[in-house]
Amino acid sequence: MVEMNQKSIFLSLLSLVLVSCHRTDEKFCSCMKKSEEVNSLTEKVWHLKATKKDSTTLKKLITSKNKMCEAYSDINGEELLKLKQDCK
């Protein structure tokens, strides 16, 4: 009985460690979503299908994205790709 209890505790701790080692960076995922919004609206503006309101919204989105993504500006490309994959 004691051996079974020890195994279950060990498996629980091991699972906890594995899950915590591969956590998704939610702030980065939010940054990616905001970047996608900016890209989508930018494309609309470039294709001359945007309204004045779209242009104003785009400026606000860019400011918001820059603040949200600031922490990731010094991260190299490989790490960014890994973070991006974790968001999927």
PDB file of N, CA and C in Angstrom:
ATOM      1  N   MET A   1       0.820  -1.182   0.000  1.00  0.00           N
ATOM      2  CA  MET A   1       0.000   0.000   0.000  1.00  0.00           C
ATOM      3  C   MET A   1       0.870   1.253   0.000  1.00  0.00           C
ATOM      4  N   VAL A   2       1.921   1.252   0.811  1.00  0.00           N
ATOM      5  CA  VAL A   2       2.813   2.400   0.893  1.00  0.00           C
ATOM      6  C   VAL A   2       3.555   2.579  -0.434  1.00  0.00           C
ATOM      7  N   GLU A   3       3.980   1.474  -1.055  1.00  0.00           N
ATOM      8  CA  GLU A   3       4.687   1.544  -2.328  1.00  0.00           C
ATOM      9  C   GLU A   3       3.774   2.124  -3.409  1.00  0.00           C
ATOM     10  N   MET A   4       2.527   1.736  -3.422  1.00  0.00           N
ATOM     11  CA  MET A   4       1.559   2.246  -4.396  1.00  0.00           C
ATOM     12  C   MET A   4       1.356   3.744  -4.195  1.00  0.00           C
ATOM     13  N   ASN A   5       1.277   4.171  -2.957  1.00  0.00           N
ATOM     14  CA  ASN A   5       1.094   5.578  -2.633  1.00  0.00           C
ATOM     15  C   ASN A   5       2.312   6.393  -3.070  1.00  0.00           C
ATOM     16  N   GLN A   6       3.497   5.842  -2.869  1.00  0.00           N
ATOM     17  CA  GLN A   6       4.721   6.532  -3.277  1.00  0.00           C
ATOM     18  C   GLN A   6       4.782   6.673  -4.798  1.00  0.00           C
ATOM     19  N   LYS A   7       4.364   5.633  -5.505  1.00  0.00           N
ATOM     20  CA  LYS A   7       4.356   5.693  -6.972  1.00  0.00           C
ATOM     21  C   LYS A   7       3.392   6.755  -7.475  1.00  0.00           C
ATOM     22  N   SER A   8       2.231   6.823  -6.865  1.00  0.00           N
ATOM     23  CA  SER A   8       1.258   7.813  -7.318  1.00  0.00           C
ATOM     24  C   SER A   8       1.738   9.234  -7.015  1.00  0.00           C
ATOM     25  N   ILE A   9       2.390   9.431  -5.890  1.00  0.00           N
ATOM     26  CA  ILE A   9       2.951  10.746  -5.569  1.00  0.00           C
ATOM     27  C   ILE A   9       4.056  11.092  -6.563  1.00  0.00           C
ATOM     28  N   PHE A  10       4.930  10.135  -6.852  1.00  0.00           N
ATOM     29  CA  PHE A  10       6.013  10.358  -7.810  1.00  0.00           C
ATOM     30  C   PHE A  10       5.460  10.705  -9.186  1.00  0.00           C
ATOM     31  N   LEU A  11       4.455   9.963  -9.651  1.00  0.00           N
ATOM     32  CA  LEU A  11       3.867  10.236 -10.960  1.00  0.00           C
ATOM     33  C   LEU A  11       3.182  11.603 -10.990  1.00  0.00           C
ATOM     34  N   SER A  12       2.554  11.949  -9.900  1.00  0.00           N
ATOM     35  CA  SER A  12       1.902  13.270  -9.824  1.00  0.00           C
ATOM     36  C   SER A  12       2.927  14.390  -9.898  1.00  0.00           C
ATOM     37  N   LEU A  13       4.004  14.252  -9.162  1.00  0.00           N
ATOM     38  CA  LEU A  13       5.066  15.264  -9.186  1.00  0.00           C
ATOM     39  C   LEU A  13       5.736  15.334 -10.553  1.00  0.00           C
ATOM     40  N   LEU A  14       5.985  14.194 -11.154  1.00  0.00           N
ATOM     41  CA  LEU A  14       6.601  14.152 -12.475  1.00  0.00           C
ATOM     42  C   LEU A  14       5.707  14.835 -13.506  1.00  0.00           C
ATOM     43  N   SER A  15       4.426  14.557 -13.445  1.00  0.00           N
ATOM     44  CA  SER A  15       3.475  15.191 -14.362  1.00  0.00           C
ATOM     45  C   SER A  15       3.461  16.704 -14.168  1.00  0.00           C
ATOM     46  N   LEU A  16       3.472  17.128 -12.936  1.00  0.00           N
ATOM     47  CA  LEU A  16       3.475  18.558 -12.625  1.00  0.00           C
ATOM     48  C   LEU A  16       4.728  19.235 -13.179  1.00  0.00           C
ATOM     49  N   VAL A  17       5.867  18.605 -13.025  1.00  0.00           N
ATOM     50  CA  VAL A  17       7.123  19.156 -13.538  1.00  0.00           C
ATOM     51  C   VAL A  17       7.088  19.241 -15.055  1.00  0.00           C
ATOM     52  N   LEU A  18       6.631  18.203 -15.713  1.00  0.00           N
ATOM     53  CA  LEU A  18       6.579  18.203 -17.173  1.00  0.00           C
ATOM     54  C   LEU A  18       5.624  19.265 -17.706  1.00  0.00           C
ATOM     55  N   VAL A  19       4.489  19.406 -17.072  1.00  0.00           N
ATOM     56  CA  VAL A  19       3.520  20.410 -17.509  1.00  0.00           C
ATOM     57  C   VAL A  19       4.068  21.814 -17.282  1.00  0.00           C
ATOM     58  N   SER A  20       4.711  22.043 -16.155  1.00  0.00           N
ATOM     59  CA  SER A  20       5.212  23.380 -15.855  1.00  0.00           C
ATOM     60  C   SER A  20       6.406  23.751 -16.724  1.00  0.00           C
ATOM     61  N   CYS A  21       7.135  22.785 -17.213  1.00  0.00           N
ATOM     62  CA  CYS A  21       8.281  23.071 -18.077  1.00  0.00           C
ATOM     63  C   CYS A  21       7.847  23.513 -19.466  1.00  0.00           C
ATOM     64  N   HIS A  22       6.672  23.168 -19.884  1.00  0.00           N
ATOM     65  CA  HIS A  22       6.223  23.476 -21.242  1.00  0.00           C
ATOM     66  C   HIS A  22       4.913  24.268 -21.199  1.00  0.00           C
ATOM     67  N   ARG A  23       4.963  25.395 -20.496  1.00  0.00           N
ATOM     68  CA  ARG A  23       3.781  26.234 -20.395  1.00  0.00           C
ATOM     69  C   ARG A  23       3.768  27.230 -21.533  1.00  0.00           C
ATOM     70  N   THR A  24       2.602  27.505 -22.041  1.00  0.00           N
ATOM     71  CA  THR A  24       2.438  28.491 -23.095  1.00  0.00           C
ATOM     72  C   THR A  24       2.544  29.880 -22.493  1.00  0.00           C
ATOM     73  N   ASP A  25       3.281  30.736 -23.166  1.00  0.00           N
ATOM     74  CA  ASP A  25       3.424  32.122 -22.736  1.00  0.00           C
ATOM     75  C   ASP A  25       2.209  32.899 -23.248  1.00  0.00           C
ATOM     76  N   GLU A  26       1.221  33.065 -22.390  1.00  0.00           N
ATOM     77  CA  GLU A  26      -0.035  33.695 -22.793  1.00  0.00           C
ATOM     78  C   GLU A  26       0.166  35.144 -23.224  1.00  0.00           C
ATOM     79  N   LYS A  27       1.114  35.836 -22.614  1.00  0.00           N
ATOM     80  CA  LYS A  27       1.378  37.224 -23.017  1.00  0.00           C
ATOM     81  C   LYS A  27       1.891  37.261 -24.451  1.00  0.00           C
ATOM     82  N   PHE A  28       2.754  36.302 -24.793  1.00  0.00           N
ATOM     83  CA  PHE A  28       3.264  36.257 -26.161  1.00  0.00           C
ATOM     84  C   PHE A  28       2.142  35.919 -27.133  1.00  0.00           C
ATOM     85  N   CYS A  29       1.282  35.003 -26.754  1.00  0.00           N
ATOM     86  CA  CYS A  29       0.150  34.633 -27.623  1.00  0.00           C
ATOM     87  C   CYS A  29      -0.764  35.835 -27.850  1.00  0.00           C
ATOM     88  N   SER A  30      -0.974  36.628 -26.824  1.00  0.00           N
ATOM     89  CA  SER A  30      -1.770  37.849 -26.970  1.00  0.00           C
ATOM     90  C   SER A  30      -1.068  38.830 -27.900  1.00  0.00           C
ATOM     91  N   CYS A  31       0.231  38.914 -27.781  1.00  0.00           N
ATOM     92  CA  CYS A  31       1.033  39.763 -28.669  1.00  0.00           C
ATOM     93  C   CYS A  31       0.865  39.305 -30.116  1.00  0.00           C
ATOM     94  N   MET A  32       0.900  38.007 -30.337  1.00  0.00           N
ATOM     95  CA  MET A  32       0.746  37.466 -31.695  1.00  0.00           C
ATOM     96  C   MET A  32      -0.647  37.777 -32.253  1.00  0.00           C
ATOM     97  N   LYS A  33      -1.663  37.634 -31.428  1.00  0.00           N
ATOM     98  CA  LYS A  33      -3.028  37.927 -31.874  1.00  0.00           C
ATOM     99  C   LYS A  33      -3.174  39.399 -32.248  1.00  0.00           C
ATOM    100  N   LYS A  34      -2.591  40.262 -31.424  1.00  0.00           N
ATOM    101  CA  LYS A  34      -2.653  41.693 -31.703  1.00  0.00           C
ATOM    102  C   LYS A  34      -1.892  42.003 -32.985  1.00  0.00           C
ATOM    103  N   SER A  35      -0.768  41.356 -33.208  1.00  0.00           N
ATOM    104  CA  SER A  35       0.008  41.552 -34.440  1.00  0.00           C
ATOM    105  C   SER A  35      -0.789  41.130 -35.662  1.00  0.00           C
ATOM    106  N   GLU A  36      -1.528  40.045 -35.539  1.00  0.00           N
ATOM    107  CA  GLU A  36      -2.370  39.581 -36.647  1.00  0.00           C
ATOM    108  C   GLU A  36      -3.476  40.588 -36.953  1.00  0.00           C
ATOM    109  N   GLU A  37      -4.045  41.195 -35.907  1.00  0.00           N
ATOM    110  CA  GLU A  37      -5.058  42.225 -36.117  1.00  0.00           C
ATOM    111  C   GLU A  37      -4.470  43.416 -36.870  1.00  0.00           C
ATOM    112  N   VAL A  38      -3.275  43.830 -36.448  1.00  0.00           N
ATOM    113  CA  VAL A  38      -2.587  44.946 -37.106  1.00  0.00           C
ATOM    114  C   VAL A  38      -2.324  44.599 -38.567  1.00  0.00           C
ATOM    115  N   ASN A  39      -1.820  43.407 -38.827  1.00  0.00           N
ATOM    116  CA  ASN A  39      -1.517  42.995 -40.200  1.00  0.00           C
ATOM    117  C   ASN A  39      -2.765  42.986 -41.075  1.00  0.00           C
ATOM    118  N   SER A  40      -3.848  42.482 -40.541  1.00  0.00           N
ATOM    119  CA  SER A  40      -5.092  42.397 -41.291  1.00  0.00           C
ATOM    120  C   SER A  40      -5.618  43.791 -41.657  1.00  0.00           C
ATOM    121  N   LEU A  41      -5.613  44.678 -40.688  1.00  0.00           N
ATOM    122  CA  LEU A  41      -6.108  46.023 -40.939  1.00  0.00           C
ATOM    123  C   LEU A  41      -5.150  46.806 -41.841  1.00  0.00           C
ATOM    124  N   THR A  42      -3.857  46.572 -41.692  1.00  0.00           N
ATOM    125  CA  THR A  42      -2.869  47.220 -42.555  1.00  0.00           C
ATOM    126  C   THR A  42      -3.096  46.812 -44.007  1.00  0.00           C
ATOM    127  N   GLU A  43      -3.354  45.541 -44.212  1.00  0.00           N
ATOM    128  CA  GLU A  43      -3.613  45.052 -45.570  1.00  0.00           C
ATOM    129  C   GLU A  43      -4.849  45.738 -46.161  1.00  0.00           C
ATOM    130  N   LYS A  44      -5.870  45.896 -45.348  1.00  0.00           N
ATOM    131  CA  LYS A  44      -7.089  46.567 -45.796  1.00  0.00           C
ATOM    132  C   LYS A  44      -6.788  48.012 -46.205  1.00  0.00           C
ATOM    133  N   VAL A  45      -5.980  48.706 -45.395  1.00  0.00           N
ATOM    134  CA  VAL A  45      -5.613  50.089 -45.690  1.00  0.00           C
ATOM    135  C   VAL A  45      -4.796  50.152 -46.980  1.00  0.00           C
ATOM    136  N   TRP A  46      -3.846  49.249 -47.147  1.00  0.00           N
ATOM    137  CA  TRP A  46      -2.992  49.254 -48.340  1.00  0.00           C
ATOM    138  C   TRP A  46      -3.794  49.010 -49.621  1.00  0.00           C
ATOM    139  N   HIS A  47      -4.837  48.245 -49.508  1.00  0.00           N
ATOM    140  CA  HIS A  47      -5.653  47.943 -50.687  1.00  0.00           C
ATOM    141  C   HIS A  47      -6.741  48.998 -50.913  1.00  0.00           C
ATOM    142  N   LEU A  48      -6.616  50.103 -50.165  1.00  0.00           N
ATOM    143  CA  LEU A  48      -7.523  51.245 -50.299  1.00  0.00           C
ATOM    144  C   LEU A  48      -8.986  50.879 -50.082  1.00  0.00           C
ATOM    145  N   LYS A  49      -9.216  49.914 -49.208  1.00  0.00           N
ATOM    146  CA  LYS A  49     -10.582  49.496 -48.892  1.00  0.00           C
ATOM    147  C   LYS A  49     -10.966  49.899 -47.469  1.00  0.00           C
ATOM    148  N   ALA A  50     -10.162  50.780 -46.882  1.00  0.00           N
ATOM    149  CA  ALA A  50     -10.383  51.157 -45.488  1.00  0.00           C
ATOM    150  C   ALA A  50     -11.076  52.505 -45.387  1.00  0.00           C
ATOM    151  N   THR A  51     -11.740  52.685 -44.271  1.00  0.00           N
ATOM    152  CA  THR A  51     -12.384  53.963 -43.970  1.00  0.00           C
ATOM    153  C   THR A  51     -11.438  54.792 -43.101  1.00  0.00           C
ATOM    154  N   LYS A  52     -11.814  56.024 -42.861  1.00  0.00           N
ATOM    155  CA  LYS A  52     -11.016  56.872 -41.967  1.00  0.00           C
ATOM    156  C   LYS A  52     -10.988  56.251 -40.567  1.00  0.00           C
ATOM    157  N   LYS A  53     -12.107  55.665 -40.177  1.00  0.00           N
ATOM    158  CA  LYS A  53     -12.185  55.002 -38.867  1.00  0.00           C
ATOM    159  C   LYS A  53     -11.181  53.844 -38.794  1.00  0.00           C
ATOM    160  N   ASP A  54     -11.027  53.089 -39.890  1.00  0.00           N
ATOM    161  CA  ASP A  54     -10.058  51.989 -39.936  1.00  0.00           C
ATOM    162  C   ASP A  54      -8.640  52.517 -39.718  1.00  0.00           C
ATOM    163  N   SER A  55      -8.337  53.652 -40.321  1.00  0.00           N
ATOM    164  CA  SER A  55      -6.999  54.240 -40.167  1.00  0.00           C
ATOM    165  C   SER A  55      -6.738  54.650 -38.722  1.00  0.00           C
ATOM    166  N   THR A  56      -7.742  55.237 -38.093  1.00  0.00           N
ATOM    167  CA  THR A  56      -7.622  55.630 -36.688  1.00  0.00           C
ATOM    168  C   THR A  56      -7.472  54.394 -35.809  1.00  0.00           C
ATOM    169  N   THR A  57      -8.270  53.381 -36.093  1.00  0.00           N
ATOM    170  CA  THR A  57      -8.201  52.121 -35.337  1.00  0.00           C
ATOM    171  C   THR A  57      -6.831  51.485 -35.504  1.00  0.00           C
ATOM    172  N   LEU A  58      -6.286  51.537 -36.714  1.00  0.00           N
ATOM    173  CA  LEU A  58      -4.968  50.955 -36.972  1.00  0.00           C
ATOM    174  C   LEU A  58      -3.896  51.628 -36.121  1.00  0.00           C
ATOM    175  N   LYS A  59      -3.933  52.935 -36.027  1.00  0.00           N
ATOM    176  CA  LYS A  59      -2.950  53.658 -35.202  1.00  0.00           C
ATOM    177  C   LYS A  59      -3.029  53.197 -33.749  1.00  0.00           C
ATOM    178  N   LYS A  60      -4.252  53.037 -33.238  1.00  0.00           N
ATOM    179  CA  LYS A  60      -4.440  52.590 -31.858  1.00  0.00           C
ATOM    180  C   LYS A  60      -3.961  51.150 -31.686  1.00  0.00           C
ATOM    181  N   LEU A  61      -4.269  50.307 -32.672  1.00  0.00           N
ATOM    182  CA  LEU A  61      -3.828  48.907 -32.604  1.00  0.00           C
ATOM    183  C   LEU A  61      -2.308  48.801 -32.596  1.00  0.00           C
ATOM    184  N   ILE A  62      -1.650  49.605 -33.413  1.00  0.00           N
ATOM    185  CA  ILE A  62      -0.186  49.571 -33.473  1.00  0.00           C
ATOM    186  C   ILE A  62       0.406  49.990 -32.135  1.00  0.00           C
ATOM    187  N   THR A  63      -0.133  51.031 -31.533  1.00  0.00           N
ATOM    188  CA  THR A  63       0.344  51.474 -30.217  1.00  0.00           C
ATOM    189  C   THR A  63       0.145  50.373 -29.181  1.00  0.00           C
ATOM    190  N   SER A  64      -1.017  49.767 -29.194  1.00  0.00           N
ATOM    191  CA  SER A  64      -1.332  48.685 -28.259  1.00  0.00           C
ATOM    192  C   SER A  64      -0.401  47.489 -28.474  1.00  0.00           C
ATOM    193  N   LYS A  65      -0.196  47.125 -29.741  1.00  0.00           N
ATOM    194  CA  LYS A  65       0.676  45.994 -30.066  1.00  0.00           C
ATOM    195  C   LYS A  65       2.107  46.272 -29.607  1.00  0.00           C
ATOM    196  N   ASN A  66       2.590  47.475 -29.848  1.00  0.00           N
ATOM    197  CA  ASN A  66       3.958  47.821 -29.457  1.00  0.00           C
ATOM    198  C   ASN A  66       4.156  47.683 -27.953  1.00  0.00           C
ATOM    199  N   LYS A  67       3.175  48.127 -27.166  1.00  0.00           N
ATOM    200  CA  LYS A  67       3.266  47.998 -25.710  1.00  0.00           C
ATOM    201  C   LYS A  67       3.217  46.525 -25.296  1.00  0.00           C
ATOM    202  N   MET A  68       2.302  45.780 -25.923  1.00  0.00           N
ATOM    203  CA  MET A  68       2.099  44.385 -25.566  1.00  0.00           C
ATOM    204  C   MET A  68       3.310  43.522 -25.937  1.00  0.00           C
ATOM    205  N   CYS A  69       3.963  43.855 -27.031  1.00  0.00           N
ATOM    206  CA  CYS A  69       5.050  43.021 -27.554  1.00  0.00           C
ATOM    207  C   CYS A  69       6.438  43.514 -27.175  1.00  0.00           C
ATOM    208  N   GLU A  70       6.511  44.614 -26.448  1.00  0.00           N
ATOM    209  CA  GLU A  70       7.799  45.216 -26.098  1.00  0.00           C
ATOM    210  C   GLU A  70       8.754  44.232 -25.420  1.00  0.00           C
ATOM    211  N   ALA A  71       8.239  43.394 -24.558  1.00  0.00           N
ATOM    212  CA  ALA A  71       9.073  42.454 -23.804  1.00  0.00           C
ATOM    213  C   ALA A  71       9.757  41.421 -24.705  1.00  0.00           C
ATOM    214  N   TYR A  72       9.270  41.276 -25.937  1.00  0.00           N
ATOM    215  CA  TYR A  72       9.791  40.249 -26.836  1.00  0.00           C
ATOM    216  C   TYR A  72      10.709  40.817 -27.920  1.00  0.00           C
ATOM    217  N   SER A  73      11.016  42.091 -27.845  1.00  0.00           N
ATOM    218  CA  SER A  73      11.794  42.742 -28.902  1.00  0.00           C
ATOM    219  C   SER A  73      13.244  42.280 -28.949  1.00  0.00           C
ATOM    220  N   ASP A  74      13.786  41.799 -27.855  1.00  0.00           N
ATOM    221  CA  ASP A  74      15.189  41.377 -27.818  1.00  0.00           C
ATOM    222  C   ASP A  74      15.382  39.872 -27.946  1.00  0.00           C
ATOM    223  N   ILE A  75      14.314  39.140 -28.194  1.00  0.00           N
ATOM    224  CA  ILE A  75      14.395  37.683 -28.293  1.00  0.00           C
ATOM    225  C   ILE A  75      14.759  37.301 -29.728  1.00  0.00           C
ATOM    226  N   ASN A  76      15.658  36.317 -29.859  1.00  0.00           N
ATOM    227  CA  ASN A  76      16.089  35.916 -31.204  1.00  0.00           C
ATOM    228  C   ASN A  76      15.001  35.140 -31.947  1.00  0.00           C
ATOM    229  N   GLY A  77      15.195  35.000 -33.247  1.00  0.00           N
ATOM    230  CA  GLY A  77      14.208  34.383 -34.123  1.00  0.00           C
ATOM    231  C   GLY A  77      13.813  32.970 -33.747  1.00  0.00           C
ATOM    232  N   GLU A  78      14.796  32.153 -33.375  1.00  0.00           N
ATOM    233  CA  GLU A  78      14.504  30.754 -33.010  1.00  0.00           C
ATOM    234  C   GLU A  78      13.579  30.683 -31.798  1.00  0.00           C
ATOM    235  N   GLU A  79      13.872  31.491 -30.797  1.00  0.00           N
ATOM    236  CA  GLU A  79      13.047  31.492 -29.590  1.00  0.00           C
ATOM    237  C   GLU A  79      11.640  31.996 -29.903  1.00  0.00           C
ATOM    238  N   LEU A  80      11.553  33.016 -30.767  1.00  0.00           N
ATOM    239  CA  LEU A  80      10.237  33.535 -31.144  1.00  0.00           C
ATOM    240  C   LEU A  80       9.417  32.480 -31.877  1.00  0.00           C
ATOM    241  N   LEU A  81      10.069  31.722 -32.752  1.00  0.00           N
ATOM    242  CA  LEU A  81       9.357  30.652 -33.462  1.00  0.00           C
ATOM    243  C   LEU A  81       8.846  29.594 -32.494  1.00  0.00           C
ATOM    244  N   LYS A  82       9.664  29.261 -31.506  1.00  0.00           N
ATOM    245  CA  LYS A  82       9.256  28.273 -30.503  1.00  0.00           C
ATOM    246  C   LYS A  82       8.056  28.787 -29.714  1.00  0.00           C
ATOM    247  N   LEU A  83       8.106  30.062 -29.301  1.00  0.00           N
ATOM    248  CA  LEU A  83       6.991  30.654 -28.585  1.00  0.00           C
ATOM    249  C   LEU A  83       5.735  30.671 -29.445  1.00  0.00           C
ATOM    250  N   LYS A  84       5.904  30.979 -30.730  1.00  0.00           N
ATOM    251  CA  LYS A  84       4.771  31.025 -31.651  1.00  0.00           C
ATOM    252  C   LYS A  84       4.132  29.650 -31.795  1.00  0.00           C
ATOM    253  N   GLN A  85       4.956  28.609 -31.912  1.00  0.00           N
ATOM    254  CA  GLN A  85       4.444  27.245 -32.033  1.00  0.00           C
ATOM    255  C   GLN A  85       3.665  26.841 -30.785  1.00  0.00           C
ATOM    256  N   ASP A  86       4.103  27.289 -29.638  1.00  0.00           N
ATOM    257  CA  ASP A  86       3.421  26.954 -28.381  1.00  0.00           C
ATOM    258  C   ASP A  86       2.042  27.592 -28.286  1.00  0.00           C
ATOM    259  N   CYS A  87       1.815  28.647 -29.057  1.00  0.00           N
ATOM    260  CA  CYS A  87       0.514  29.333 -29.020  1.00  0.00           C
ATOM    261  C   CYS A  87      -0.554  28.571 -29.800  1.00  0.00           C
ATOM    262  N   LYS A  88      -0.167  27.672 -30.663  1.00  0.00           N
ATOM    263  CA  LYS A  88      -1.141  26.966 -31.512  1.00  0.00           C
ATOM    264  C   LYS A  88      -1.861  25.881 -30.772  1.00  0.00           C
TER     265      LYS A  88
END
